[in-house]
N, C-alpha and C. Protein backbone atom coordinates (compact mmCIF):
# COMPACT_ATOMS: atom_id res chain seq x y z
N MET A 1 44.69 -44.02 2.36
CA MET A 1 45.13 -43.29 1.02
C MET A 1 46.08 -44.09 0.48
N ALA A 2 45.76 -44.43 -0.98
CA ALA A 2 46.77 -45.13 -1.87
C ALA A 2 47.47 -44.11 -2.84
N ASN A 3 48.80 -44.91 -3.04
CA ASN A 3 49.61 -44.08 -4.10
C ASN A 3 49.24 -44.78 -5.62
N ILE A 4 48.97 -44.16 -6.54
CA ILE A 4 48.89 -44.66 -7.87
C ILE A 4 50.13 -44.73 -8.47
N THR A 5 50.51 -45.71 -8.94
CA THR A 5 51.78 -46.07 -9.58
C THR A 5 51.74 -45.97 -11.20
N LYS A 6 52.83 -45.80 -11.83
CA LYS A 6 52.93 -45.58 -13.31
C LYS A 6 52.09 -47.02 -13.78
N LYS A 7 52.36 -48.03 -13.26
CA LYS A 7 51.61 -49.44 -13.56
C LYS A 7 50.28 -49.19 -13.41
N ASP A 8 49.72 -48.68 -12.40
CA ASP A 8 48.30 -48.40 -12.02
C ASP A 8 47.75 -47.66 -13.19
N LEU A 9 48.39 -46.61 -13.72
CA LEU A 9 48.01 -45.38 -14.44
C LEU A 9 47.84 -46.01 -15.89
N ILE A 10 48.89 -46.98 -16.40
CA ILE A 10 48.78 -47.52 -17.53
C ILE A 10 47.44 -48.53 -17.68
N ALA A 11 47.31 -49.30 -16.70
CA ALA A 11 46.14 -50.20 -16.62
C ALA A 11 44.81 -49.41 -16.66
N THR A 12 44.97 -48.21 -15.74
CA THR A 12 43.63 -47.32 -16.07
C THR A 12 43.37 -46.92 -17.53
N VAL A 13 44.21 -46.28 -18.06
CA VAL A 13 44.32 -45.65 -19.45
C VAL A 13 44.02 -46.90 -20.26
N ALA A 14 44.45 -47.97 -20.31
CA ALA A 14 44.25 -49.16 -21.09
C ALA A 14 42.77 -49.54 -21.02
N GLY A 15 42.39 -49.54 -19.80
CA GLY A 15 41.00 -49.98 -19.51
C GLY A 15 40.00 -48.74 -20.12
N SER A 16 40.22 -47.58 -20.01
CA SER A 16 39.29 -46.43 -20.21
C SER A 16 39.57 -46.04 -21.73
N THR A 17 40.42 -46.61 -22.34
CA THR A 17 40.44 -46.32 -24.03
C THR A 17 40.52 -47.39 -24.87
N GLY A 18 40.33 -48.73 -24.12
CA GLY A 18 40.34 -49.98 -24.97
C GLY A 18 41.63 -50.34 -25.53
N GLN A 19 42.66 -49.69 -25.30
CA GLN A 19 43.89 -50.00 -25.96
C GLN A 19 44.51 -51.23 -25.14
N SER A 20 45.49 -51.88 -25.66
CA SER A 20 46.41 -52.84 -24.85
C SER A 20 47.13 -52.08 -23.74
N LYS A 21 47.56 -52.63 -22.90
CA LYS A 21 48.57 -52.17 -21.75
C LYS A 21 49.81 -51.69 -22.38
N SER A 22 50.42 -52.41 -23.54
CA SER A 22 51.52 -51.83 -24.29
C SER A 22 51.40 -50.47 -24.95
N ALA A 23 50.19 -50.36 -25.62
CA ALA A 23 49.90 -49.22 -26.28
C ALA A 23 49.78 -48.05 -25.33
N ALA A 24 48.95 -48.41 -24.29
CA ALA A 24 48.93 -47.24 -23.20
C ALA A 24 50.13 -46.76 -22.75
N GLU A 25 51.04 -47.80 -22.36
CA GLU A 25 52.38 -47.46 -21.82
C GLU A 25 53.14 -46.65 -22.80
N ALA A 26 52.91 -47.00 -24.05
CA ALA A 26 53.66 -46.16 -25.32
C ALA A 26 53.48 -44.88 -25.21
N ALA A 27 51.91 -44.60 -25.07
CA ALA A 27 51.38 -43.37 -25.00
C ALA A 27 51.82 -42.16 -23.80
N ILE A 28 51.77 -43.04 -22.57
CA ILE A 28 52.11 -42.50 -21.51
C ILE A 28 53.58 -42.03 -21.34
N ASN A 29 54.50 -42.93 -22.06
CA ASN A 29 55.84 -42.61 -22.00
C ASN A 29 56.15 -41.53 -23.11
N ALA A 30 55.29 -41.25 -23.99
CA ALA A 30 55.63 -40.13 -24.93
C ALA A 30 55.30 -39.06 -24.42
N VAL A 31 53.99 -38.82 -23.65
CA VAL A 31 53.66 -37.73 -23.16
C VAL A 31 54.62 -37.15 -21.99
N ILE A 32 55.28 -38.20 -21.25
CA ILE A 32 56.17 -37.88 -20.14
C ILE A 32 57.44 -37.45 -20.90
N GLY A 33 57.96 -38.25 -21.86
CA GLY A 33 58.95 -37.83 -22.51
C GLY A 33 59.12 -36.51 -23.28
N SER A 34 57.77 -36.18 -23.69
CA SER A 34 57.76 -34.64 -24.40
C SER A 34 57.76 -33.49 -23.43
N ILE A 35 57.13 -33.95 -22.39
CA ILE A 35 57.03 -32.77 -21.19
C ILE A 35 58.53 -32.63 -20.77
N THR A 36 59.25 -33.81 -20.51
CA THR A 36 60.64 -33.70 -20.10
C THR A 36 61.53 -33.10 -20.93
N ASP A 37 61.40 -33.24 -22.35
CA ASP A 37 62.30 -32.85 -23.34
C ASP A 37 61.90 -31.15 -23.26
N ALA A 38 60.66 -30.59 -23.37
CA ALA A 38 60.34 -29.34 -23.15
C ALA A 38 61.05 -28.58 -22.07
N LEU A 39 60.82 -29.46 -20.90
CA LEU A 39 61.50 -28.50 -19.51
C LEU A 39 62.80 -28.73 -19.82
N SER A 40 63.73 -29.59 -20.19
CA SER A 40 65.08 -29.50 -20.41
C SER A 40 65.55 -28.23 -21.27
N LYS A 41 64.51 -28.01 -22.21
CA LYS A 41 65.00 -26.96 -23.22
C LYS A 41 64.55 -25.55 -22.73
N GLY A 42 64.09 -25.59 -21.63
CA GLY A 42 63.56 -24.41 -20.82
C GLY A 42 62.28 -24.03 -21.30
N ASP A 43 61.53 -24.75 -21.90
CA ASP A 43 60.24 -24.57 -22.40
C ASP A 43 59.00 -24.64 -21.34
N ASP A 44 57.81 -24.22 -21.29
CA ASP A 44 57.06 -24.39 -20.32
C ASP A 44 55.96 -25.24 -21.02
N VAL A 45 55.29 -26.09 -20.29
CA VAL A 45 54.05 -27.00 -21.03
C VAL A 45 52.86 -26.70 -20.25
N THR A 46 51.91 -26.27 -20.72
CA THR A 46 50.60 -25.88 -20.29
C THR A 46 49.46 -26.92 -20.98
N LEU A 47 48.79 -27.56 -20.04
CA LEU A 47 47.91 -28.53 -20.40
C LEU A 47 46.55 -27.80 -19.61
N VAL A 48 45.91 -27.21 -20.70
CA VAL A 48 44.55 -26.46 -20.17
C VAL A 48 43.74 -27.38 -19.17
N GLY A 49 43.29 -26.74 -18.12
CA GLY A 49 42.51 -27.20 -17.24
C GLY A 49 43.19 -28.34 -16.12
N PHE A 50 44.42 -28.66 -16.40
CA PHE A 50 45.20 -29.63 -15.65
C PHE A 50 46.19 -28.82 -14.94
N GLY A 51 47.14 -27.91 -15.64
CA GLY A 51 47.94 -27.24 -15.10
C GLY A 51 49.26 -27.00 -16.03
N THR A 52 50.23 -26.34 -15.39
CA THR A 52 51.41 -26.11 -16.16
C THR A 52 52.89 -26.50 -15.39
N PHE A 53 53.80 -27.12 -16.27
CA PHE A 53 54.95 -27.45 -15.83
C PHE A 53 55.88 -26.46 -16.34
N THR A 54 56.62 -26.11 -15.42
CA THR A 54 57.64 -25.04 -15.77
C THR A 54 58.99 -25.23 -14.96
N THR A 55 59.89 -24.47 -15.32
CA THR A 55 61.33 -24.81 -14.36
C THR A 55 61.55 -23.57 -13.60
N VAL A 56 62.19 -23.75 -12.63
CA VAL A 56 62.77 -22.53 -11.58
C VAL A 56 64.20 -22.51 -11.46
N ASN A 57 65.06 -21.42 -11.46
CA ASN A 57 66.39 -21.48 -11.13
C ASN A 57 66.53 -21.27 -9.65
N LYS A 58 67.24 -22.19 -8.93
CA LYS A 58 67.58 -21.75 -7.62
C LYS A 58 69.11 -21.32 -7.63
N ALA A 59 69.26 -20.30 -6.91
CA ALA A 59 70.41 -19.92 -6.73
C ALA A 59 71.54 -20.54 -5.65
N ALA A 60 72.53 -20.57 -5.99
CA ALA A 60 73.67 -21.04 -5.09
C ALA A 60 73.50 -20.78 -3.79
N ARG A 61 73.60 -21.50 -2.75
CA ARG A 61 73.51 -21.09 -1.42
C ARG A 61 74.40 -21.92 -0.45
N GLU A 62 74.59 -21.48 0.68
CA GLU A 62 75.25 -22.09 1.76
C GLU A 62 74.50 -22.96 2.66
N GLY A 63 74.82 -24.21 3.04
CA GLY A 63 73.95 -24.97 3.78
C GLY A 63 74.92 -25.61 4.71
N ARG A 64 74.45 -26.45 5.73
CA ARG A 64 75.07 -27.26 6.71
C ARG A 64 75.04 -28.54 6.75
N ASN A 65 76.01 -29.37 7.05
CA ASN A 65 75.73 -30.70 7.07
C ASN A 65 75.06 -31.11 8.47
N PRO A 66 73.95 -31.83 8.38
CA PRO A 66 73.18 -31.99 9.74
C PRO A 66 73.80 -32.73 10.87
N LYS A 67 74.64 -33.66 10.35
CA LYS A 67 75.48 -34.38 11.42
C LYS A 67 76.82 -33.79 11.94
N THR A 68 77.35 -33.07 11.08
CA THR A 68 78.71 -32.51 11.67
C THR A 68 78.48 -30.74 11.95
N GLY A 69 77.60 -30.19 11.28
CA GLY A 69 77.39 -28.77 11.34
C GLY A 69 78.47 -28.00 10.41
N GLU A 70 78.99 -28.82 9.64
CA GLU A 70 80.03 -28.33 8.70
C GLU A 70 79.24 -27.59 7.69
N LYS A 71 79.83 -26.21 7.26
CA LYS A 71 79.22 -25.44 6.25
C LYS A 71 79.70 -26.19 4.83
N LEU A 72 78.80 -26.05 4.06
CA LEU A 72 78.79 -26.51 2.51
C LEU A 72 78.21 -25.56 1.60
N LYS A 73 78.73 -25.60 0.29
CA LYS A 73 78.33 -24.72 -0.59
C LYS A 73 77.16 -25.84 -1.35
N ILE A 74 76.13 -25.09 -1.70
CA ILE A 74 74.92 -26.04 -2.49
C ILE A 74 75.03 -25.34 -3.89
N PRO A 75 75.40 -25.80 -4.97
CA PRO A 75 75.32 -25.24 -6.51
C PRO A 75 74.16 -24.66 -6.72
N ALA A 76 74.14 -23.80 -7.59
CA ALA A 76 72.72 -23.43 -8.36
C ALA A 76 72.33 -24.59 -9.17
N SER A 77 70.90 -24.54 -9.14
CA SER A 77 70.34 -25.65 -10.12
C SER A 77 69.18 -25.23 -10.70
N THR A 78 68.59 -26.11 -11.51
CA THR A 78 67.21 -25.71 -12.15
C THR A 78 66.27 -27.14 -11.57
N ALA A 79 65.04 -26.71 -11.36
CA ALA A 79 64.28 -27.66 -10.78
C ALA A 79 62.77 -27.61 -11.49
N PRO A 80 62.15 -28.64 -11.70
CA PRO A 80 61.01 -28.76 -12.19
C PRO A 80 59.92 -28.29 -11.32
N LYS A 81 58.80 -27.45 -11.77
CA LYS A 81 57.69 -27.10 -11.03
C LYS A 81 56.41 -27.19 -11.61
N PHE A 82 55.27 -27.48 -10.91
CA PHE A 82 54.02 -27.76 -11.52
C PHE A 82 53.07 -26.82 -10.76
N LYS A 83 52.35 -25.94 -11.54
CA LYS A 83 50.98 -25.29 -11.04
C LYS A 83 49.88 -25.86 -11.53
N PRO A 84 48.85 -26.40 -10.55
CA PRO A 84 47.70 -26.86 -11.01
C PRO A 84 46.79 -25.88 -11.70
N GLY A 85 46.10 -26.19 -12.44
CA GLY A 85 45.12 -25.40 -13.23
C GLY A 85 43.69 -25.30 -12.49
N LYS A 86 42.74 -24.69 -12.73
CA LYS A 86 41.65 -24.32 -12.06
C LYS A 86 40.63 -25.57 -12.20
N ALA A 87 40.37 -26.17 -13.07
CA ALA A 87 39.76 -27.38 -13.17
C ALA A 87 40.32 -28.48 -12.30
N LEU A 88 41.66 -28.64 -12.23
CA LEU A 88 42.43 -29.84 -11.37
C LEU A 88 42.02 -29.28 -9.91
N LYS A 89 42.18 -27.95 -9.46
CA LYS A 89 41.92 -27.63 -8.19
C LYS A 89 40.40 -27.96 -7.73
N ASP A 90 39.56 -27.37 -8.58
CA ASP A 90 38.28 -27.63 -8.37
C ASP A 90 37.86 -29.04 -8.26
N ALA A 91 38.27 -29.90 -8.84
CA ALA A 91 38.11 -31.18 -8.81
C ALA A 91 38.58 -31.94 -7.60
N VAL A 92 39.79 -31.41 -7.22
CA VAL A 92 40.54 -32.00 -5.76
C VAL A 92 39.88 -31.60 -4.53
N SER A 93 39.34 -30.11 -4.60
CA SER A 93 38.73 -29.63 -3.61
C SER A 93 37.28 -29.63 -3.42
N LYS A 94 36.65 -30.71 -3.83
CA LYS A 94 35.33 -31.11 -3.90
C LYS A 94 34.45 -30.46 -2.70
């Protein structure tokens, strides 16, 4: 099982659209940037058939240092979350 890198994705998009690799890279960067900007504003991004990108708020909690066992406070944070759409789920679970 291989991992697909951003470089591989750029080459695939360039090949399937007939664009240059630099044009494909610009398009991919624009999409990623748009999703990142929307999530940082607290907006959801829905790509019908693919999935929905959202953010979740994680409450502050207490944790432990695994080496020393010392208690430490983990601050509240916001994290990105992805929920796959039906078409993606169906394509993956052939």
